[in-house]
Amino acid sequence: MANTRKLTTEEQAARDVVAAMPDSEIDTSDMPEVTDWSGAVRGGLYRPVKRLTSLRLDADVLEWFKRGGEGYQTRINAALREYVERHRGRGVD
C-alpha cells in the first residue's frame, strides 16, 4: 500500500517545531476550510490489523498469484476479503 519513507533530520526537526506549537500559533491561512463533505469516505484511512499465519494453498493457486509479481500476498488477502464480503450474513459470521 503506502510506501512511506523515513523523514530526513531536517523534516523531523520542522515537524517537531510545529508539533510543539499551540494550535492558535499555527498559520493555516493557505488551507481552505472544508465545507462540503459529500465526497468523504468513512474509514478511508483504516488499516486492518494483520496477523502472521501459516496457510496451505494448492500449488497452482499460489503460483497464479505469484505470477503477478510482488504483492501476491496482498492480492490473496483481497480475494479472501471479497469472498468474505460476498458471503457475510450467510451464517458464518
Protein backbone atom coordinates (compact mmCIF):
# COMPACT_ATOMS: atom_id res chain seq x y z
CA MET A 1 0.00 0.00 0.00
CA ALA A 2 1.67 3.19 1.19
CA ASN A 3 5.42 3.32 0.72
CA THR A 4 6.29 5.91 3.34
CA ARG A 5 9.90 6.94 3.60
CA LYS A 6 11.75 7.97 6.73
CA LEU A 7 11.83 11.69 7.39
CA THR A 8 15.13 13.46 6.97
CA THR A 9 16.68 15.06 10.06
CA GLU A 10 15.54 18.48 8.81
CA GLU A 11 11.99 17.29 8.15
CA GLN A 12 11.79 15.68 11.58
CA ALA A 13 13.08 18.89 13.22
CA ALA A 14 10.49 21.01 11.35
CA ARG A 15 7.74 18.59 12.35
CA ASP A 16 8.82 18.72 15.98
CA VAL A 17 8.74 22.54 15.96
CA VAL A 18 5.18 22.60 14.62
CA ALA A 19 4.09 19.83 17.00
CA ALA A 20 5.34 21.89 19.96
CA MET A 21 3.37 24.98 18.90
CA PRO A 22 -0.09 25.68 20.30
CA ASP A 23 -2.80 25.38 17.62
CA SER A 24 -3.50 29.12 17.83
CA GLU A 25 0.02 29.90 16.55
CA ILE A 26 -0.09 27.61 13.51
CA ASP A 27 -0.85 29.52 10.29
CA THR A 28 -3.45 27.61 8.33
CA SER A 29 -4.50 30.54 6.11
CA ASP A 30 -3.31 28.71 2.98
CA MET A 31 -5.57 25.74 3.75
CA PRO A 32 -9.19 26.28 2.69
CA GLU A 33 -11.79 25.17 5.21
CA VAL A 34 -13.66 22.03 4.12
CA THR A 35 -17.37 22.80 3.99
CA ASP A 36 -18.54 20.12 1.56
CA TRP A 37 -18.17 16.61 2.98
CA SER A 38 -20.40 14.94 0.37
CA GLY A 39 -17.44 13.11 -1.20
CA ALA A 40 -15.98 11.98 2.11
CA VAL A 41 -15.27 8.29 2.58
CA ARG A 42 -15.73 6.83 6.05
CA GLY A 43 -12.84 4.65 7.12
CA GLY A 44 -10.62 5.61 4.19
CA LEU A 45 -7.53 5.55 6.38
CA TYR A 46 -8.49 2.40 8.29
CA ARG A 47 -5.86 -0.34 8.14
CA PRO A 48 -6.91 -3.72 9.49
CA VAL A 49 -4.61 -5.49 11.92
CA LYS A 50 -2.54 -8.12 10.14
CA ARG A 51 -1.63 -11.44 11.72
CA LEU A 52 1.15 -13.75 10.70
CA THR A 53 -0.24 -17.20 9.95
CA SER A 54 0.59 -20.35 8.06
CA LEU A 55 -1.80 -21.33 5.31
CA ARG A 56 -1.77 -24.30 2.95
CA LEU A 57 -2.83 -23.41 -0.57
CA ASP A 58 -2.99 -25.51 -3.70
CA ALA A 59 0.29 -25.06 -5.58
CA ASP A 60 -1.40 -23.92 -8.79
CA VAL A 61 -3.42 -21.27 -6.94
CA LEU A 62 -0.33 -19.91 -5.21
CA GLU A 63 1.66 -19.88 -8.47
CA TRP A 64 -1.16 -17.99 -10.21
CA PHE A 65 -1.00 -15.21 -7.61
CA LYS A 66 2.82 -15.19 -7.64
CA ARG A 67 2.89 -14.74 -11.43
CA GLY A 68 1.53 -11.25 -10.81
CA GLY A 69 4.81 -10.32 -9.13
CA GLU A 70 5.32 -8.53 -5.84
CA GLY A 71 2.24 -8.08 -3.72
CA TYR A 72 0.87 -11.57 -4.23
CA GLN A 73 0.04 -11.92 -0.53
CA THR A 74 -1.91 -8.65 -0.68
CA ARG A 75 -3.81 -9.96 -3.72
CA ILE A 76 -4.60 -13.23 -1.93
CA ASN A 77 -5.86 -11.21 1.05
CA ALA A 78 -8.02 -9.06 -1.26
CA ALA A 79 -9.51 -12.17 -2.89
CA LEU A 80 -10.32 -13.65 0.51
CA ARG A 81 -11.80 -10.34 1.70
CA GLU A 82 -14.01 -10.20 -1.41
CA TYR A 83 -15.21 -13.74 -0.67
CA VAL A 84 -15.96 -12.84 2.95
CA GLU A 85 -17.90 -9.70 1.93
CA ARG A 86 -19.92 -11.66 -0.61
CA HIS A 87 -20.80 -14.37 1.92
CA ARG A 88 -21.24 -12.23 5.03
CA GLY A 89 -24.57 -12.84 6.71
CA ARG A 90 -24.88 -16.43 5.47
CA GLY A 91 -24.39 -17.98 8.89
CA VAL A 92 -20.58 -18.00 9.01
CA ASP A 93 -20.07 -14.73 10.89
